């Protein structure tokens, strides 16, 4: 997870982490802990709520919640096993 991009989007939307945590329905300290842990303990439900609350596009969501390793792995798999239609 790209925590810096997420924090940038929070600021861009004129919110604070405290406000975002309240909107998600978790304690502020819990969200801080999750972000300090590179989002490793962020649930899918919480990530989806963040996308909704911040109004993130698909591209922004991918850039924030998926690291480059996942993207590279997906591209590699597509090259190895292309779909033939």
Foldseek 3Di string as FASTA:
>chain_A
DALVLLCVLCVVLVHDLCVLCVQLPHHSVVSVVCVVVVNPPPDPSSLVSSCVVSVPDPVSSCPRPPDVVVVVVVVVVCVVDPDDD
